[in-house]
C-alpha atoms as a PDB file:
ATOM      1  CA  MET A   1      18.334   2.772  10.172  1.00  0.00           C
ATOM      2  CA  SER A   2      15.576   1.105   8.163  1.00  0.00           C
ATOM      3  CA  LEU A   3      12.110   2.559   8.384  1.00  0.00           C
ATOM      4  CA  LEU A   4      10.527  -0.946   8.236  1.00  0.00           C
ATOM      5  CA  SER A   5      12.274  -4.155   9.256  1.00  0.00           C
ATOM      6  CA  VAL A   6      10.711  -7.633   8.783  1.00  0.00           C
ATOM      7  CA  SER A   7      12.698 -10.398  10.477  1.00  0.00           C
ATOM      8  CA  GLY A   8      11.882 -14.158  10.136  1.00  0.00           C
ATOM      9  CA  VAL A   9       8.145 -13.567   9.781  1.00  0.00           C
ATOM     10  CA  THR A  10       6.048 -16.749   9.415  1.00  0.00           C
ATOM     11  CA  GLN A  11       2.330 -17.237   9.077  1.00  0.00           C
ATOM     12  CA  ARG A  12       0.479 -20.512   8.871  1.00  0.00           C
ATOM     13  CA  PHE A  13      -3.193 -21.363   8.293  1.00  0.00           C
ATOM     14  CA  GLY A  14      -3.677 -24.975   9.410  1.00  0.00           C
ATOM     15  CA  GLY A  15      -1.152 -27.010   7.499  1.00  0.00           C
ATOM     16  CA  LEU A  16      -0.461 -24.311   4.953  1.00  0.00           C
ATOM     17  CA  THR A  17       2.576 -22.012   5.459  1.00  0.00           C
ATOM     18  CA  ALA A  18       1.514 -18.822   3.689  1.00  0.00           C
ATOM     19  CA  VAL A  19       4.612 -16.814   4.696  1.00  0.00           C
ATOM     20  CA  ASP A  20       7.823 -18.732   5.481  1.00  0.00           C
ATOM     21  CA  ASN A  21      10.574 -17.101   7.470  1.00  0.00           C
ATOM     22  CA  VAL A  22      10.602 -13.856   5.403  1.00  0.00           C
ATOM     23  CA  SER A  23      13.044 -11.081   6.225  1.00  0.00           C
ATOM     24  CA  PHE A  24      13.745  -7.742   4.493  1.00  0.00           C
ATOM     25  CA  SER A  25      14.061  -4.059   5.289  1.00  0.00           C
ATOM     26  CA  ILE A  26      12.666  -0.920   3.668  1.00  0.00           C
ATOM     27  CA  ALA A  27      14.648   2.339   3.518  1.00  0.00           C
ATOM     28  CA  ALA A  28      12.893   5.656   4.027  1.00  0.00           C
ATOM     29  CA  GLY A  29      12.244   7.913   1.041  1.00  0.00           C
ATOM     30  CA  GLU A  30      12.074   5.177  -1.633  1.00  0.00           C
ATOM     31  CA  VAL A  31       9.536   3.039  -3.494  1.00  0.00           C
ATOM     32  CA  SER A  32       9.956  -0.649  -2.724  1.00  0.00           C
ATOM     33  CA  ALA A  33       7.856  -3.494  -4.096  1.00  0.00           C
ATOM     34  CA  ILE A  34       6.862  -7.064  -3.317  1.00  0.00           C
ATOM     35  CA  ILE A  35       6.121  -9.211  -6.324  1.00  0.00           C
ATOM     36  CA  GLY A  36       5.501 -12.876  -7.011  1.00  0.00           C
ATOM     37  CA  PRO A  37       2.976 -15.213  -8.643  1.00  0.00           C
ATOM     38  CA  ASN A  38      -0.582 -15.581  -7.362  1.00  0.00           C
ATOM     39  CA  GLY A  39      -0.621 -17.363  -4.036  1.00  0.00           C
ATOM     40  CA  ALA A  40       2.972 -16.333  -3.179  1.00  0.00           C
ATOM     41  CA  GLY A  41       1.902 -14.790   0.159  1.00  0.00           C
ATOM     42  CA  LYS A  42       2.148 -11.141  -0.780  1.00  0.00           C
ATOM     43  CA  THR A  43      -1.155  -9.907   0.706  1.00  0.00           C
ATOM     44  CA  THR A  44      -0.742 -12.144   3.769  1.00  0.00           C
ATOM     45  CA  LEU A  45       2.625 -10.442   4.386  1.00  0.00           C
ATOM     46  CA  PHE A  46       0.900  -6.989   4.084  1.00  0.00           C
ATOM     47  CA  ASN A  47      -1.744  -8.169   6.587  1.00  0.00           C
ATOM     48  CA  LEU A  48       1.062  -9.098   9.038  1.00  0.00           C
ATOM     49  CA  ILE A  49       2.888  -5.798   8.613  1.00  0.00           C
ATOM     50  CA  SER A  50      -0.288  -3.659   9.005  1.00  0.00           C
ATOM     51  CA  GLY A  51      -1.630  -5.572  11.961  1.00  0.00           C
ATOM     52  CA  PHE A  52      -4.644  -7.320  10.371  1.00  0.00           C
ATOM     53  CA  GLN A  53      -3.050 -10.604  11.278  1.00  0.00           C
ATOM     54  CA  ALA A  54      -0.421 -11.582  13.854  1.00  0.00           C
ATOM     55  CA  PRO A  55       2.532 -13.764  12.719  1.00  0.00           C
ATOM     56  CA  VAL A  56       3.168 -17.118  14.407  1.00  0.00           C
ATOM     57  CA  ALA A  57       6.888 -16.281  14.406  1.00  0.00           C
ATOM     58  CA  GLY A  58       9.170 -13.373  13.644  1.00  0.00           C
ATOM     59  CA  ASN A  59       9.310  -9.690  14.420  1.00  0.00           C
ATOM     60  CA  ILE A  60       8.301  -6.490  12.612  1.00  0.00           C
ATOM     61  CA  THR A  61       9.687  -3.046  13.584  1.00  0.00           C
ATOM     62  CA  PHE A  62       8.671   0.351  12.286  1.00  0.00           C
ATOM     63  CA  ASP A  63      10.901   3.304  12.889  1.00  0.00           C
ATOM     64  CA  GLY A  64      12.870   1.294  15.403  1.00  0.00           C
ATOM     65  CA  GLN A  65       9.816   0.294  17.470  1.00  0.00           C
ATOM     66  CA  ALA A  66       8.247  -3.148  17.585  1.00  0.00           C
ATOM     67  CA  ILE A  67       4.802  -3.374  16.010  1.00  0.00           C
ATOM     68  CA  THR A  68       4.442  -7.156  15.862  1.00  0.00           C
ATOM     69  CA  GLY A  69       0.887  -8.120  16.683  1.00  0.00           C
ATOM     70  CA  LEU A  70      -0.360  -4.581  17.263  1.00  0.00           C
ATOM     71  CA  PRO A  71      -3.962  -3.975  16.067  1.00  0.00           C
ATOM     72  CA  PRO A  72      -4.397  -2.127  12.768  1.00  0.00           C
ATOM     73  CA  HIS A  73      -5.536   1.161  14.294  1.00  0.00           C
ATOM     74  CA  ARG A  74      -2.417   1.354  16.542  1.00  0.00           C
ATOM     75  CA  VAL A  75      -0.142   0.535  13.564  1.00  0.00           C
ATOM     76  CA  ALA A  76      -1.831   3.221  11.507  1.00  0.00           C
ATOM     77  CA  ALA A  77      -1.577   5.776  14.323  1.00  0.00           C
ATOM     78  CA  ARG A  78       2.201   5.269  14.247  1.00  0.00           C
ATOM     79  CA  GLY A  79       2.276   6.272  10.587  1.00  0.00           C
ATOM     80  CA  LEU A  80       2.012   2.983   8.690  1.00  0.00           C
ATOM     81  CA  VAL A  81      -1.155   3.075   6.535  1.00  0.00           C
ATOM     82  CA  ARG A  82      -2.345   0.725   3.811  1.00  0.00           C
ATOM     83  CA  THR A  83      -4.863   0.362   0.932  1.00  0.00           C
ATOM     84  CA  PHE A  84      -6.485  -2.948  -0.013  1.00  0.00           C
ATOM     85  CA  GLN A  85      -6.548  -5.224  -3.020  1.00  0.00           C
ATOM     86  CA  LEU A  86     -10.282  -4.652  -3.347  1.00  0.00           C
ATOM     87  CA  VAL A  87     -11.643  -1.104  -3.231  1.00  0.00           C
ATOM     88  CA  GLN A  88     -12.982  -0.271   0.173  1.00  0.00           C
ATOM     89  CA  LEU A  89     -14.617   3.162  -0.139  1.00  0.00           C
ATOM     90  CA  PHE A  90     -17.910   4.564   1.196  1.00  0.00           C
ATOM     91  CA  PRO A  91     -19.741   4.449  -2.130  1.00  0.00           C
ATOM     92  CA  ASP A  92     -22.653   6.718  -1.092  1.00  0.00           C
ATOM     93  CA  LEU A  93     -20.436   9.412   0.335  1.00  0.00           C
ATOM     94  CA  SER A  94     -18.812  11.963  -1.897  1.00  0.00           C
ATOM     95  CA  ALA A  95     -15.117  11.771  -2.861  1.00  0.00           C
ATOM     96  CA  GLN A  96     -14.583  14.769  -0.552  1.00  0.00           C
ATOM     97  CA  GLN A  97     -16.220  13.004   2.403  1.00  0.00           C
ATOM     98  CA  ASN A  98     -14.270   9.821   1.795  1.00  0.00           C
ATOM     99  CA  VAL A  99     -10.967  11.686   2.073  1.00  0.00           C
ATOM    100  CA  GLU A 100     -12.207  13.636   5.102  1.00  0.00           C
ATOM    101  CA  ALA A 101     -12.938  10.272   6.758  1.00  0.00           C
ATOM    102  CA  GLY A 102      -9.291   9.363   6.335  1.00  0.00           C
ATOM    103  CA  CYS A 103      -8.304  12.414   8.419  1.00  0.00           C
ATOM    104  CA  HIS A 104      -9.640  10.794  11.631  1.00  0.00           C
ATOM    105  CA  LEU A 105      -6.073   9.733  12.726  1.00  0.00           C
ATOM    106  CA  ARG A 106      -5.126  13.430  12.689  1.00  0.00           C
ATOM    107  CA  GLY A 107      -7.837  14.334  15.149  1.00  0.00           C
ATOM    108  CA  SER A 108      -7.573  14.309  18.900  1.00  0.00           C
ATOM    109  CA  GLY A 109     -10.941  15.589  20.170  1.00  0.00           C
ATOM    110  CA  GLY A 110     -12.797  12.308  20.132  1.00  0.00           C
ATOM    111  CA  LEU A 111     -16.428  11.495  19.335  1.00  0.00           C
ATOM    112  CA  TRP A 112     -18.091  13.557  22.071  1.00  0.00           C
ATOM    113  CA  ALA A 113     -16.037  16.614  21.154  1.00  0.00           C
ATOM    114  CA  ALA A 114     -17.218  16.252  17.589  1.00  0.00           C
ATOM    115  CA  LEU A 115     -20.878  15.838  18.590  1.00  0.00           C
ATOM    116  CA  ALA A 116     -20.662  18.796  20.913  1.00  0.00           C
ATOM    117  CA  ARG A 117     -19.009  20.883  18.243  1.00  0.00           C
ATOM    118  CA  THR A 118     -16.229  22.093  20.542  1.00  0.00           C
ATOM    119  CA  PRO A 119     -13.733  24.603  19.217  1.00  0.00           C
ATOM    120  CA  ARG A 120     -11.172  21.904  18.812  1.00  0.00           C
ATOM    121  CA  ALA A 121     -13.634  19.771  16.853  1.00  0.00           C
ATOM    122  CA  ARG A 122     -14.507  22.667  14.600  1.00  0.00           C
ATOM    123  CA  ARG A 123     -10.867  23.330  13.906  1.00  0.00           C
ATOM    124  CA  GLU A 124     -10.246  19.754  13.106  1.00  0.00           C
ATOM    125  CA  LEU A 125     -13.249  19.617  10.778  1.00  0.00           C
ATOM    126  CA  ALA A 126     -12.017  22.735   8.943  1.00  0.00           C
ATOM    127  CA  GLU A 127      -8.541  21.126   8.686  1.00  0.00           C
ATOM    128  CA  ALA A 128      -9.971  17.918   7.298  1.00  0.00           C
ATOM    129  CA  THR A 129     -11.890  19.794   4.674  1.00  0.00           C
ATOM    130  CA  GLN A 130      -8.724  21.670   3.565  1.00  0.00           C
ATOM    131  CA  VAL A 131      -6.629  18.446   3.598  1.00  0.00           C
ATOM    132  CA  ALA A 132      -9.286  16.682   1.491  1.00  0.00           C
ATOM    133  CA  HIS A 133      -9.327  19.511  -1.048  1.00  0.00           C
ATOM    134  CA  GLU A 134      -5.554  19.426  -1.325  1.00  0.00           C
ATOM    135  CA  LEU A 135      -5.315  15.603  -1.670  1.00  0.00           C
ATOM    136  CA  LEU A 136      -8.102  15.412  -4.256  1.00  0.00           C
ATOM    137  CA  ALA A 137      -6.190  17.973  -6.354  1.00  0.00           C
ATOM    138  CA  PHE A 138      -2.948  16.005  -5.716  1.00  0.00           C
ATOM    139  CA  VAL A 139      -4.457  12.783  -7.237  1.00  0.00           C
ATOM    140  CA  GLY A 140      -6.303  14.707 -10.008  1.00  0.00           C
ATOM    141  CA  LEU A 141      -9.870  14.255  -8.720  1.00  0.00           C
ATOM    142  CA  GLU A 142     -10.638  17.864  -7.580  1.00  0.00           C
ATOM    143  CA  ALA A 143     -13.272  18.196 -10.280  1.00  0.00           C
ATOM    144  CA  ARG A 144     -15.090  15.137  -8.894  1.00  0.00           C
ATOM    145  CA  ALA A 145     -15.005  16.070  -5.222  1.00  0.00           C
ATOM    146  CA  ASP A 146     -18.848  16.255  -4.940  1.00  0.00           C
ATOM    147  CA  LEU A 147     -19.527  12.996  -6.819  1.00  0.00           C
ATOM    148  CA  PRO A 148     -20.434   9.884  -4.857  1.00  0.00           C
ATOM    149  CA  ALA A 149     -17.460   7.567  -4.751  1.00  0.00           C
ATOM    150  CA  GLY A 150     -19.593   4.818  -6.268  1.00  0.00           C
ATOM    151  CA  ALA A 151     -20.122   6.938  -9.389  1.00  0.00           C
ATOM    152  CA  LEU A 152     -16.378   7.215 -10.092  1.00  0.00           C
ATOM    153  CA  THR A 153     -14.588   5.019 -12.610  1.00  0.00           C
ATOM    154  CA  TYR A 154     -12.606   2.140 -11.141  1.00  0.00           C
ATOM    155  CA  GLY A 155      -9.333   3.883 -11.833  1.00  0.00           C
ATOM    156  CA  GLN A 156     -10.627   7.069 -10.084  1.00  0.00           C
ATOM    157  CA  GLN A 157     -11.711   4.960  -7.126  1.00  0.00           C
ATOM    158  CA  ARG A 158      -8.194   3.616  -6.847  1.00  0.00           C
ATOM    159  CA  LEU A 159      -6.806   7.102  -6.795  1.00  0.00           C
ATOM    160  CA  LEU A 160      -9.401   8.158  -4.233  1.00  0.00           C
ATOM    161  CA  GLU A 161      -8.277   5.324  -1.989  1.00  0.00           C
ATOM    162  CA  VAL A 162      -4.706   6.662  -2.233  1.00  0.00           C
ATOM    163  CA  ALA A 163      -5.929  10.127  -1.371  1.00  0.00           C
ATOM    164  CA  ARG A 164      -7.846   8.817   1.630  1.00  0.00           C
ATOM    165  CA  ALA A 165      -4.768   6.874   2.867  1.00  0.00           C
ATOM    166  CA  LEU A 166      -2.614   9.955   2.488  1.00  0.00           C
ATOM    167  CA  ALA A 167      -5.123  11.910   4.593  1.00  0.00           C
ATOM    168  CA  ALA A 168      -4.003   9.846   7.587  1.00  0.00           C
ATOM    169  CA  ASN A 169      -0.605  11.517   7.228  1.00  0.00           C
ATOM    170  CA  PRO A 170       1.428   8.289   6.850  1.00  0.00           C
ATOM    171  CA  ARG A 171       5.208   7.980   6.871  1.00  0.00           C
ATOM    172  CA  LEU A 172       4.924   4.617   5.128  1.00  0.00           C
ATOM    173  CA  LEU A 173       2.148   3.806   2.686  1.00  0.00           C
ATOM    174  CA  LEU A 174       1.382   0.176   1.735  1.00  0.00           C
ATOM    175  CA  LEU A 175      -0.305  -0.102  -1.609  1.00  0.00           C
ATOM    176  CA  ASP A 176      -1.928  -3.474  -2.326  1.00  0.00           C
ATOM    177  CA  GLU A 177      -2.412  -4.036  -6.135  1.00  0.00           C
ATOM    178  CA  PRO A 178      -2.948  -0.325  -6.859  1.00  0.00           C
ATOM    179  CA  ALA A 179      -2.881  -0.925 -10.694  1.00  0.00           C
ATOM    180  CA  ALA A 180      -5.377  -3.792 -10.668  1.00  0.00           C
ATOM    181  CA  GLY A 181      -8.080  -3.146 -13.263  1.00  0.00           C
ATOM    182  CA  LEU A 182      -6.458   0.000 -14.640  1.00  0.00           C
ATOM    183  CA  ASN A 183      -5.843   0.670 -18.313  1.00  0.00           C
ATOM    184  CA  ALA A 184      -2.439   1.844 -19.659  1.00  0.00           C
ATOM    185  CA  ILE A 185      -3.257   5.548 -19.309  1.00  0.00           C
ATOM    186  CA  GLU A 186      -4.557   5.122 -15.780  1.00  0.00           C
ATOM    187  CA  THR A 187      -1.507   3.019 -14.892  1.00  0.00           C
ATOM    188  CA  GLU A 188       0.846   5.706 -16.152  1.00  0.00           C
ATOM    189  CA  HIS A 189      -1.012   8.322 -14.066  1.00  0.00           C
ATOM    190  CA  LEU A 190      -0.663   6.029 -11.027  1.00  0.00           C
ATOM    191  CA  ALA A 191       3.118   5.775 -11.626  1.00  0.00           C
ATOM    192  CA  GLU A 192       3.346   9.562 -11.625  1.00  0.00           C
ATOM    193  CA  THR A 193       1.258   9.711  -8.475  1.00  0.00           C
ATOM    194  CA  ILE A 194       3.555   7.250  -6.735  1.00  0.00           C
ATOM    195  CA  ARG A 195       6.591   9.305  -7.637  1.00  0.00           C
ATOM    196  CA  ALA A 196       4.771  12.479  -6.362  1.00  0.00           C
ATOM    197  CA  ILE A 197       4.030  10.651  -3.088  1.00  0.00           C
ATOM    198  CA  ILE A 198       7.757  10.043  -2.612  1.00  0.00           C
ATOM    199  CA  ALA A 199       8.376  13.701  -3.333  1.00  0.00           C
ATOM    200  CA  ARG A 200       6.058  14.497  -0.462  1.00  0.00           C
ATOM    201  CA  GLY A 201       8.303  12.587   1.928  1.00  0.00           C
ATOM    202  CA  VAL A 202       6.137   9.470   2.222  1.00  0.00           C
ATOM    203  CA  THR A 203       7.794   6.058   1.724  1.00  0.00           C
ATOM    204  CA  VAL A 204       5.935   3.605  -0.456  1.00  0.00           C
ATOM    205  CA  LEU A 205       5.786  -0.237  -0.332  1.00  0.00           C
ATOM    206  CA  LEU A 206       3.574  -1.830  -2.975  1.00  0.00           C
ATOM    207  CA  ILE A 207       2.394  -5.197  -4.020  1.00  0.00           C
ATOM    208  CA  GLU A 208       1.809  -5.300  -7.742  1.00  0.00           C
ATOM    209  CA  HIS A 209       1.159  -7.851 -10.559  1.00  0.00           C
ATOM    210  CA  ASP A 210       2.064  -5.330 -13.286  1.00  0.00           C
ATOM    211  CA  VAL A 211       5.789  -5.938 -13.152  1.00  0.00           C
ATOM    212  CA  SER A 212       6.306  -3.372 -15.915  1.00  0.00           C
ATOM    213  CA  LEU A 213       5.037  -0.711 -13.492  1.00  0.00           C
ATOM    214  CA  VAL A 214       7.179  -2.089 -10.646  1.00  0.00           C
ATOM    215  CA  MET A 215      10.282  -1.941 -12.774  1.00  0.00           C
ATOM    216  CA  ARG A 216       9.631   1.685 -13.584  1.00  0.00           C
ATOM    217  CA  VAL A 217       8.944   3.026 -10.061  1.00  0.00           C
ATOM    218  CA  ALA A 218      10.645   0.770  -7.518  1.00  0.00           C
ATOM    219  CA  ARG A 219      14.206   1.155  -6.250  1.00  0.00           C
ATOM    220  CA  LYS A 220      14.097  -2.193  -4.453  1.00  0.00           C
ATOM    221  CA  ILE A 221      12.165  -5.415  -5.162  1.00  0.00           C
ATOM    222  CA  VAL A 222      11.399  -8.382  -2.870  1.00  0.00           C
ATOM    223  CA  VAL A 223      10.233 -11.486  -4.678  1.00  0.00           C
ATOM    224  CA  LEU A 224       8.088 -14.197  -2.978  1.00  0.00           C
ATOM    225  CA  ASP A 225       7.163 -17.645  -4.224  1.00  0.00           C
ATOM    226  CA  PHE A 226       5.161 -20.139  -2.208  1.00  0.00           C
ATOM    227  CA  GLY A 227       5.583 -17.925   0.868  1.00  0.00           C
ATOM    228  CA  ARG A 228       9.384 -17.808   0.676  1.00  0.00           C
ATOM    229  CA  LYS A 229      11.653 -14.952  -0.308  1.00  0.00           C
ATOM    230  CA  ILE A 230      13.530 -16.031  -3.423  1.00  0.00           C
ATOM    231  CA  ALA A 231      15.178 -12.769  -4.431  1.00  0.00           C
ATOM    232  CA  GLU A 232      15.803  -9.214  -3.276  1.00  0.00           C
ATOM    233  CA  GLY A 233      17.528  -6.350  -4.855  1.00  0.00           C
ATOM    234  CA  ARG A 234      17.460  -3.604  -7.447  1.00  0.00           C
ATOM    235  CA  PRO A 235      15.160  -4.047 -10.526  1.00  0.00           C
ATOM    236  CA  GLU A 236      18.107  -4.766 -12.812  1.00  0.00           C
ATOM    237  CA  GLU A 237      19.317  -7.468 -10.452  1.00  0.00           C
ATOM    238  CA  VAL A 238      15.876  -9.081  -9.867  1.00  0.00           C
ATOM    239  CA  LYS A 239      14.861  -9.233 -13.531  1.00  0.00           C
ATOM    240  CA  ASN A 240      17.886 -11.376 -14.359  1.00  0.00           C
ATOM    241  CA  ASP A 241      17.680 -13.685 -11.324  1.00  0.00           C
ATOM    242  CA  PRO A 242      17.152 -17.302 -12.422  1.00  0.00           C
ATOM    243  CA  ALA A 243      14.894 -18.100  -9.463  1.00  0.00           C
ATOM    244  CA  VAL A 244      12.645 -15.124 -10.366  1.00  0.00           C
ATOM    245  CA  LEU A 245      12.424 -16.093 -13.983  1.00  0.00           C
ATOM    246  CA  GLU A 246      11.580 -19.660 -12.973  1.00  0.00           C
ATOM    247  CA  ALA A 247       8.788 -18.512 -10.672  1.00  0.00           C
ATOM    248  CA  TYR A 248       6.917 -16.976 -13.663  1.00  0.00           C
ATOM    249  CA  LEU A 249       5.492 -18.817 -16.638  1.00  0.00           C
ATOM    250  CA  GLY A 250       8.179 -19.963 -19.039  1.00  0.00           C
ATOM    251  CA  GLY A 251      10.901 -17.849 -17.497  1.00  0.00           C
ATOM    252  CA  VAL A 252       9.486 -14.810 -19.259  1.00  0.00           C
ATOM    253  CA  ASP A 253      11.397 -11.594 -19.718  1.00  0.00           C
ATOM    254  CA  LEU A 254      11.027  -9.134 -16.847  1.00  0.00           C
ATOM    255  CA  ALA A 255      12.638  -6.222 -18.662  1.00  0.00           C
ATOM    256  CA  PRO A 256      10.982  -2.809 -18.327  1.00  0.00           C
ATOM    257  CA  GLY A 257       7.998  -2.483 -20.689  1.00  0.00           C
ATOM    258  CA  ALA A 258       7.142  -6.193 -20.584  1.00  0.00           C
ATOM    259  CA  MET A 259       3.694  -7.133 -19.347  1.00  0.00           C
ATOM    260  CA  VAL A 260       4.277 -10.249 -17.325  1.00  0.00           C
ATOM    261  CA  ALA A 261       1.847 -13.130 -17.359  1.00  0.00           C
ATOM    262  CA  GLU A 262       1.771 -14.861 -13.961  1.00  0.00           C
ATOM    263  CA  ALA A 263       1.235 -18.428 -12.919  1.00  0.00           C
ATOM    264  CA  ALA A 264      -2.167 -19.065 -11.424  1.00  0.00           C
ATOM    265  CA  ARG A 265      -1.785 -20.583  -7.983  1.00  0.00           C
ATOM    266  CA  ALA A 266      -5.087 -19.586  -6.332  1.00  0.00           C
END
């Protein structure tokens, strides 16, 4: 059974159809990707899956249970967690504190228990501290644990967001443009981190403009254009699909190692 299933999902904004009857499924234990030119509907689709918007039609199931229209905190509590296209950290808090904040879905004592410093709250705080240490080491930021998030480089902030998302103990992690603004060295480190996330037993679904990165890490690719799914399959299938080549400027080569220039459809 698929871990995530999207069936006939549609979203409209006034007269604009941003996502048009899109269907696909994601298997557990793999990296899958959604690609397409700017304005193709990728982030809107992520918003629908993660509960930040409700579709006007279609159904979304996660681990066999319907999540269509559920609010984001309930979707996340079920194990589906996302990052965002723009960095959304607490810039004045340390890297350690940012990751600890991501542990809140693990806790069960509630606000009053935390304020009263109950035994349960103290145990959960100690666990959050340990989890944050481990995840900062996992993404290579252990030496910067005490620095304010706002003092980190952009690439480090991206990795910190991944660590904070992992702190919520997801089964499926949605990464929205994780390589945006990264240089080649940082992008390669990100690719290694994504592979390591899979090794931890977390499934990954990413949106990414760096098609070279996608071709290296993804087992399955879904391609959108103007809100419609135009292709789906393994990287070697997608890169040779005429509809995919047509969607990008000049039918450019999507072979691994190629940096793909995308059509601007803001």
